[in-house]
Amino acid sequence: MSSKDKIKRFFNQYVLMIAMVFGITAYLVYHNLDLSSSTRDAVRAIVDFTIPTMVLVMLYVTFCKVNLRQLKFTRWHLMLFLFQLLLMTLVTLIASLLQSTKFVVLAEAAFICIASPTATGSVVVLTQRWGGNSETTTTYTLISNVITALFVPVMIPFMSTQEYSLYESFLMIVRRVTPLLIVPMLMALLTQIMFPKVIDIVKGWKDLPLYLWAVAMCLAISMTLRYLITSEFGIPIEVAVAFVSMVVCALLFYSGKRIGRAYGEHIGAGQGLAQRNTVFIIWLGSTFLHPSCAIAGGFYSLWQNLFNTWQMRKFEREGKI
């Protein structure tokens, strides 16, 4: 292996960690600079625009690589769908009851972790690597995006403290969430039908989704640090948000594996239900709910990566997980 290949391999292995460290460093530098309020507003506007744009582009690139003819719908898809919907409904009810207290941010943190769509590319790669069915897992990643696009706009208005009617809140969220998740799927489908050469080009850029994810993660971690520093709730609530995100992560991994095992799909079901698009979590929380709940996305990213690292080492030792 040449030195160039070794450098590339090292960078690909640690690119997300590098992105997180760079995001933290960049925000600390920005936070301590003597900038005018108008400059800070401009920077925030750019970041607020860039993050959802990056999510859209990442989803488009991922869906371009999906062979729609290989999609397979199974019974465990339905079971995971019903389980996720049940959890979302339960947490929405809890959040609505806690709306006048500071503890509502904990319910909101749990909701955005549960409601976020599956992190597409990495889920399929890990499932395939560990001997799972990548086709059924890919199918569930698409279902997961549809679940989020349809039900998040319905549920968030019941926990939001913004002074809008339920209908106004619903329309506002639909306009921002649904296109972000559905448009990339439709664009990828049209590209596959009308511009197959473009698909070949996208497939040739094997590391593109990883690098896009790294840029988005860098920005998202910067936002997470911003909310940690400027949170109105203080350290005890922030620690509680971290704990809630850990509990949700453990619950989703355990439940996904438990449900999937009944159908011989514990690997794909566990990854499909539990590995979330943490950039979307941060964006969703900071855009529609208490910004402090958005830090759950940064912590959730830590928990799911730690668990998958443990699973990877177990697989290397025992040949199974």
Protein backbone atom coordinates (compact mmCIF):
# COMPACT_ATOMS: atom_id res chain seq x y z
CA MET A 1 0.00 0.00 0.00
CA SER A 2 1.44 3.36 -1.06
CA SER A 3 1.88 6.22 1.39
CA LYS A 4 -0.90 8.11 -0.42
CA ASP A 5 -3.31 5.20 0.08
CA LYS A 6 -2.32 4.93 3.74
CA ILE A 7 -3.02 8.62 4.29
CA LYS A 8 -6.38 8.32 2.53
CA ARG A 9 -7.30 5.24 4.55
CA PHE A 10 -6.34 6.96 7.81
CA PHE A 11 -8.31 10.06 6.86
CA ASN A 12 -11.41 8.02 5.92
CA GLN A 13 -11.25 6.10 9.22
CA TYR A 14 -11.04 9.22 11.36
CA VAL A 15 -12.75 11.83 9.18
CA LEU A 16 -15.81 12.14 11.44
CA MET A 17 -13.64 12.51 14.54
CA ILE A 18 -11.55 15.12 12.72
CA ALA A 19 -14.75 16.93 11.69
CA MET A 20 -16.03 16.97 15.28
CA VAL A 21 -12.73 18.31 16.66
CA PHE A 22 -12.56 20.94 13.90
CA GLY A 23 -16.17 21.97 14.55
CA ILE A 24 -15.50 22.43 18.28
CA THR A 25 -12.28 24.36 17.65
CA ALA A 26 -13.86 26.57 14.99
CA TYR A 27 -16.76 27.52 17.26
CA LEU A 28 -14.50 28.31 20.22
CA VAL A 29 -12.41 30.59 18.00
CA TYR A 30 -15.57 32.22 16.59
CA HIS A 31 -17.09 32.60 20.07
CA ASN A 32 -14.03 34.48 21.36
CA LEU A 33 -13.61 36.78 18.37
CA ASP A 34 -14.68 40.39 18.73
CA LEU A 35 -17.29 40.43 15.95
CA SER A 36 -20.20 42.79 15.42
CA SER A 37 -23.72 41.51 15.97
CA SER A 38 -24.50 41.88 12.26
CA THR A 39 -21.51 39.68 11.36
CA ARG A 40 -22.57 37.03 13.87
CA ASP A 41 -26.13 37.13 12.50
CA ALA A 42 -24.77 36.63 8.98
CA VAL A 43 -22.65 33.66 10.07
CA ARG A 44 -25.62 32.06 11.84
CA ALA A 45 -27.79 32.58 8.75
CA ILE A 46 -25.19 30.88 6.55
CA VAL A 47 -24.91 27.91 8.93
CA ASP A 48 -28.70 27.63 9.26
CA PHE A 49 -28.97 27.46 5.46
CA THR A 50 -26.00 25.16 4.92
CA ILE A 51 -26.95 22.35 7.32
CA PRO A 52 -30.34 21.42 5.77
CA THR A 53 -28.79 21.87 2.32
CA MET A 54 -26.06 19.39 3.22
CA VAL A 55 -28.66 16.94 4.53
CA LEU A 56 -30.57 17.21 1.25
CA VAL A 57 -27.45 16.66 -0.87
CA MET A 58 -26.30 13.71 1.27
CA LEU A 59 -29.69 12.02 0.94
CA TYR A 60 -29.74 12.63 -2.81
CA VAL A 61 -26.28 11.09 -3.29
CA THR A 62 -27.23 8.10 -1.13
CA PHE A 63 -30.54 7.48 -2.90
CA CYS A 64 -28.83 7.73 -6.29
CA LYS A 65 -26.93 4.59 -5.30
CA VAL A 66 -30.08 2.69 -4.32
CA ASN A 67 -31.32 0.17 -6.88
CA LEU A 68 -35.08 0.62 -6.65
CA ARG A 69 -35.62 -2.80 -8.22
CA GLN A 70 -33.93 -4.44 -5.23
CA LEU A 71 -36.19 -2.89 -2.60
CA LYS A 72 -37.85 -5.56 -0.47
CA PHE A 73 -40.68 -4.89 1.97
CA THR A 74 -40.91 -7.31 4.88
CA ARG A 75 -42.96 -7.78 8.04
CA TRP A 76 -40.21 -6.43 10.30
CA HIS A 77 -40.45 -3.13 8.44
CA LEU A 78 -44.07 -2.86 9.60
CA MET A 79 -43.18 -3.82 13.18
CA LEU A 80 -40.41 -1.20 13.37
CA PHE A 81 -42.71 1.39 11.80
CA LEU A 82 -45.42 0.75 14.41
CA PHE A 83 -42.91 0.72 17.28
CA GLN A 84 -41.32 4.00 16.20
CA LEU A 85 -44.72 5.62 15.72
CA LEU A 86 -45.85 4.42 19.17
CA LEU A 87 -42.75 5.90 20.83
CA MET A 88 -43.14 9.20 18.96
CA THR A 89 -46.79 9.45 20.05
CA LEU A 90 -45.99 8.61 23.68
CA VAL A 91 -43.17 11.16 23.93
CA THR A 92 -45.32 13.82 22.22
CA LEU A 93 -47.98 13.29 24.89
CA ILE A 94 -45.39 13.57 27.67
CA ALA A 95 -43.93 16.74 26.13
CA SER A 96 -47.36 18.36 25.87
CA LEU A 97 -47.97 17.65 29.57
CA LEU A 98 -44.58 19.13 30.55
CA GLN A 99 -44.88 22.15 28.27
CA SER A 100 -45.00 24.72 31.08
CA THR A 101 -41.95 23.27 32.87
CA LYS A 102 -38.23 23.25 32.10
CA PHE A 103 -38.35 19.45 31.89
CA VAL A 104 -40.10 19.69 28.54
CA VAL A 105 -36.66 19.96 26.95
CA LEU A 106 -35.96 16.37 28.04
CA ALA A 107 -39.08 15.07 26.31
CA GLU A 108 -38.21 17.12 23.23
CA ALA A 109 -34.70 15.65 23.22
CA ALA A 110 -36.15 12.14 23.33
CA PHE A 111 -38.61 12.97 20.56
CA ILE A 112 -36.08 14.32 18.06
CA CYS A 113 -33.83 11.29 18.62
CA ILE A 114 -36.72 8.88 18.02
CA ALA A 115 -38.28 10.82 15.14
CA SER A 116 -35.09 11.40 13.15
CA PRO A 117 -34.73 9.30 9.99
CA THR A 118 -32.18 6.51 9.74
CA ALA A 119 -28.62 7.50 8.80
CA THR A 120 -28.71 6.00 5.32
CA GLY A 121 -25.25 5.17 4.00
CA SER A 122 -23.47 4.00 7.16
CA VAL A 123 -26.36 1.73 8.16
CA VAL A 124 -26.25 -0.18 4.88
CA VAL A 125 -22.45 -0.48 4.95
CA LEU A 126 -22.35 -1.83 8.52
CA THR A 127 -25.27 -4.20 7.95
CA GLN A 128 -23.60 -5.65 4.87
CA ARG A 129 -20.24 -5.90 6.62
CA TRP A 130 -21.72 -7.86 9.52
CA GLY A 131 -23.61 -10.29 7.30
CA GLY A 132 -27.05 -8.66 7.38
CA ASN A 133 -29.42 -8.09 4.48
CA SER A 134 -28.47 -4.76 2.92
CA GLU A 135 -31.49 -4.76 0.57
CA THR A 136 -34.13 -4.90 3.32
CA THR A 137 -32.12 -2.44 5.41
CA THR A 138 -31.95 0.01 2.50
CA THR A 139 -35.71 -0.32 2.12
CA TYR A 140 -36.22 0.61 5.77
CA THR A 141 -34.04 3.71 5.43
CA LEU A 142 -36.48 4.94 2.78
CA ILE A 143 -39.46 4.06 4.98
CA SER A 144 -37.82 5.92 7.87
CA ASN A 145 -37.57 9.11 5.83
CA VAL A 146 -41.25 8.85 4.93
CA ILE A 147 -42.20 8.31 8.60
CA THR A 148 -40.34 11.46 9.63
CA ALA A 149 -41.70 13.53 6.74
CA LEU A 150 -45.32 12.54 7.46
CA PHE A 151 -45.54 12.44 11.25
CA VAL A 152 -43.07 15.03 12.57
CA PRO A 153 -45.13 17.96 11.18
CA VAL A 154 -48.22 16.49 12.88
CA MET A 155 -46.64 15.94 16.30
CA ILE A 156 -44.28 18.87 16.86
CA PRO A 157 -47.07 21.51 17.00
CA PHE A 158 -48.43 19.78 20.13
CA MET A 159 -45.16 20.34 22.00
CA SER A 160 -43.98 23.62 20.48
CA THR A 161 -44.21 26.78 22.60
CA GLN A 162 -44.34 29.10 19.58
CA GLU A 163 -47.43 31.29 19.33
CA TYR A 164 -49.00 29.70 16.29
CA SER A 165 -52.14 27.67 15.86
CA LEU A 166 -51.71 23.93 15.40
CA TYR A 167 -52.60 24.29 11.72
CA GLU A 168 -50.15 27.15 11.15
CA SER A 169 -47.39 25.22 12.91
CA PHE A 170 -48.19 22.12 10.87
CA LEU A 171 -47.94 24.01 7.57
CA MET A 172 -44.72 25.74 8.61
CA ILE A 173 -43.05 22.46 9.55
CA VAL A 174 -44.35 20.62 6.47
CA ARG A 175 -42.84 23.29 4.22
CA ARG A 176 -39.40 22.79 5.79
CA VAL A 177 -39.24 19.11 6.78
CA THR A 178 -41.10 17.24 4.05
CA PRO A 179 -39.21 18.69 1.06
CA LEU A 180 -35.91 18.09 2.87
CA LEU A 181 -36.61 14.34 3.10
CA ILE A 182 -38.89 13.58 0.14
CA VAL A 183 -37.37 15.79 -2.58
CA PRO A 184 -33.99 13.95 -2.58
CA MET A 185 -35.81 10.64 -3.06
CA LEU A 186 -37.84 11.98 -5.99
CA MET A 187 -34.80 13.69 -7.52
CA ALA A 188 -32.79 10.47 -7.29
CA LEU A 189 -35.63 8.50 -8.88
CA LEU A 190 -35.91 10.94 -11.78
CA THR A 191 -32.14 10.93 -12.22
CA GLN A 192 -32.10 7.14 -12.42
CA ILE A 193 -34.82 7.18 -15.07
CA MET A 194 -33.76 10.18 -17.16
CA PHE A 195 -30.02 10.63 -16.56
CA PRO A 196 -28.42 7.21 -15.91
CA LYS A 197 -24.96 8.59 -16.80
CA VAL A 198 -25.23 10.99 -13.87
CA ILE A 199 -25.89 7.99 -11.63
CA ASP A 200 -22.71 6.35 -12.90
CA ILE A 201 -20.75 9.51 -12.06
CA VAL A 202 -22.23 9.69 -8.55
CA LYS A 203 -21.49 6.00 -7.94
CA GLY A 204 -17.90 6.64 -9.00
CA TRP A 205 -17.45 9.12 -6.14
CA LYS A 206 -17.38 6.42 -3.46
CA ASP A 207 -16.20 8.66 -0.64
CA LEU A 208 -18.43 11.63 -1.48
CA PRO A 209 -21.21 10.82 1.05
CA LEU A 210 -18.58 10.43 3.78
CA TYR A 211 -17.01 13.83 3.06
CA LEU A 212 -20.41 15.53 2.82
CA TRP A 213 -21.34 13.95 6.13
CA ALA A 214 -18.09 15.23 7.66
CA VAL A 215 -18.81 18.83 6.60
CA ALA A 216 -22.37 18.62 7.92
CA MET A 217 -21.16 17.04 11.18
CA CYS A 218 -18.59 19.82 11.62
CA LEU A 219 -21.31 22.47 11.37
CA ALA A 220 -23.74 20.48 13.53
CA ILE A 221 -21.19 19.98 16.31
CA SER A 222 -20.45 23.72 16.24
CA MET A 223 -24.16 24.37 16.74
CA THR A 224 -24.30 21.81 19.56
CA LEU A 225 -21.45 23.56 21.37
CA ARG A 226 -23.16 26.90 20.88
CA TYR A 227 -26.34 25.59 22.54
CA LEU A 228 -24.30 24.04 25.37
CA ILE A 229 -22.63 27.38 26.09
CA THR A 230 -25.71 29.57 25.71
CA SER A 231 -28.32 27.20 27.18
CA GLU A 232 -30.89 28.85 29.42
CA PHE A 233 -31.35 25.67 31.47
CA GLY A 234 -27.89 25.15 32.97
CA ILE A 235 -25.59 22.17 33.40
CA PRO A 236 -28.02 19.82 35.27
CA ILE A 237 -30.53 19.89 32.40
CA GLU A 238 -27.75 19.51 29.82
CA VAL A 239 -26.47 16.43 31.65
CA ALA A 240 -30.03 15.12 31.78
CA VAL A 241 -30.38 15.64 28.00
CA ALA A 242 -27.18 13.63 27.48
CA PHE A 243 -28.59 10.87 29.70
CA VAL A 244 -31.93 10.87 27.86
CA SER A 245 -30.17 10.55 24.51
CA MET A 246 -28.17 7.59 25.86
CA VAL A 247 -31.32 5.86 27.13
CA VAL A 248 -33.11 6.40 23.81
CA CYS A 249 -30.09 5.08 21.90
CA ALA A 250 -29.93 1.94 24.06
CA LEU A 251 -33.70 1.42 23.80
CA LEU A 252 -33.72 1.71 20.01
CA PHE A 253 -30.76 -0.64 19.52
CA TYR A 254 -32.22 -3.21 21.92
CA SER A 255 -35.75 -3.01 20.51
CA GLY A 256 -34.61 -3.08 16.89
CA LYS A 257 -32.49 -6.17 17.50
CA ARG A 258 -35.27 -7.83 19.51
CA ILE A 259 -37.90 -7.21 16.82
CA GLY A 260 -35.56 -8.14 13.97
CA ARG A 261 -34.42 -11.38 15.61
CA ALA A 262 -37.92 -12.80 15.25
CA TYR A 263 -37.51 -12.45 11.47
CA GLY A 264 -33.81 -13.37 11.23
CA GLU A 265 -32.89 -9.71 10.64
CA HIS A 266 -31.53 -8.53 14.00
CA ILE A 267 -28.52 -6.78 12.43
CA GLY A 268 -30.42 -4.71 9.87
CA ALA A 269 -33.36 -4.01 12.18
CA GLY A 270 -31.08 -2.90 15.01
CA GLN A 271 -29.16 -0.53 12.76
CA GLY A 272 -32.30 0.65 10.96
CA LEU A 273 -34.14 1.62 14.12
CA ALA A 274 -31.25 2.95 16.19
CA GLN A 275 -28.65 4.58 13.94
CA ARG A 276 -30.08 8.06 13.42
CA ASN A 277 -29.22 11.00 11.20
CA THR A 278 -27.76 13.09 14.02
CA VAL A 279 -27.25 16.15 11.83
CA PHE A 280 -31.01 16.13 11.21
CA ILE A 281 -31.62 15.73 14.97
CA ILE A 282 -29.64 18.90 15.69
CA TRP A 283 -31.34 20.82 12.88
CA LEU A 284 -34.85 19.69 13.89
CA GLY A 285 -34.41 20.58 17.56
CA SER A 286 -32.77 23.95 16.93
CA THR A 287 -35.33 24.95 14.30
CA PHE A 288 -38.68 24.00 15.84
CA LEU A 289 -38.19 23.31 19.57
CA HIS A 290 -36.07 24.58 22.47
CA PRO A 291 -32.58 24.98 20.98
CA SER A 292 -31.12 23.35 24.10
CA CYS A 293 -32.72 20.02 23.18
CA ALA A 294 -30.64 20.02 19.97
CA ILE A 295 -27.54 19.01 21.95
CA ALA A 296 -29.13 15.56 22.12
CA GLY A 297 -27.97 15.07 18.52
CA GLY A 298 -24.32 15.53 19.43
CA PHE A 299 -24.57 13.16 22.38
CA TYR A 300 -26.58 10.61 20.38
CA SER A 301 -23.85 10.58 17.75
CA LEU A 302 -21.36 9.72 20.50
CA TRP A 303 -23.48 6.88 21.94
CA GLN A 304 -24.32 5.22 18.62
CA ASN A 305 -20.70 5.39 17.45
CA LEU A 306 -19.44 3.93 20.72
CA PHE A 307 -21.94 1.06 20.50
CA ASN A 308 -21.13 0.33 16.86
CA THR A 309 -17.40 0.43 17.64
CA TRP A 310 -18.00 -2.18 20.35
CA GLN A 311 -20.07 -4.27 17.92
CA MET A 312 -17.33 -4.00 15.29
CA ARG A 313 -14.68 -5.28 17.70
CA LYS A 314 -16.98 -8.08 18.83
CA PHE A 315 -17.56 -9.09 15.21
CA GLU A 316 -13.80 -9.10 14.52
CA ARG A 317 -13.21 -11.34 17.57
CA GLU A 318 -16.19 -13.70 17.33
CA GLY A 319 -17.41 -13.37 13.74
CA LYS A 320 -20.92 -12.46 14.89
CA ILE A 321 -22.82 -9.82 16.86
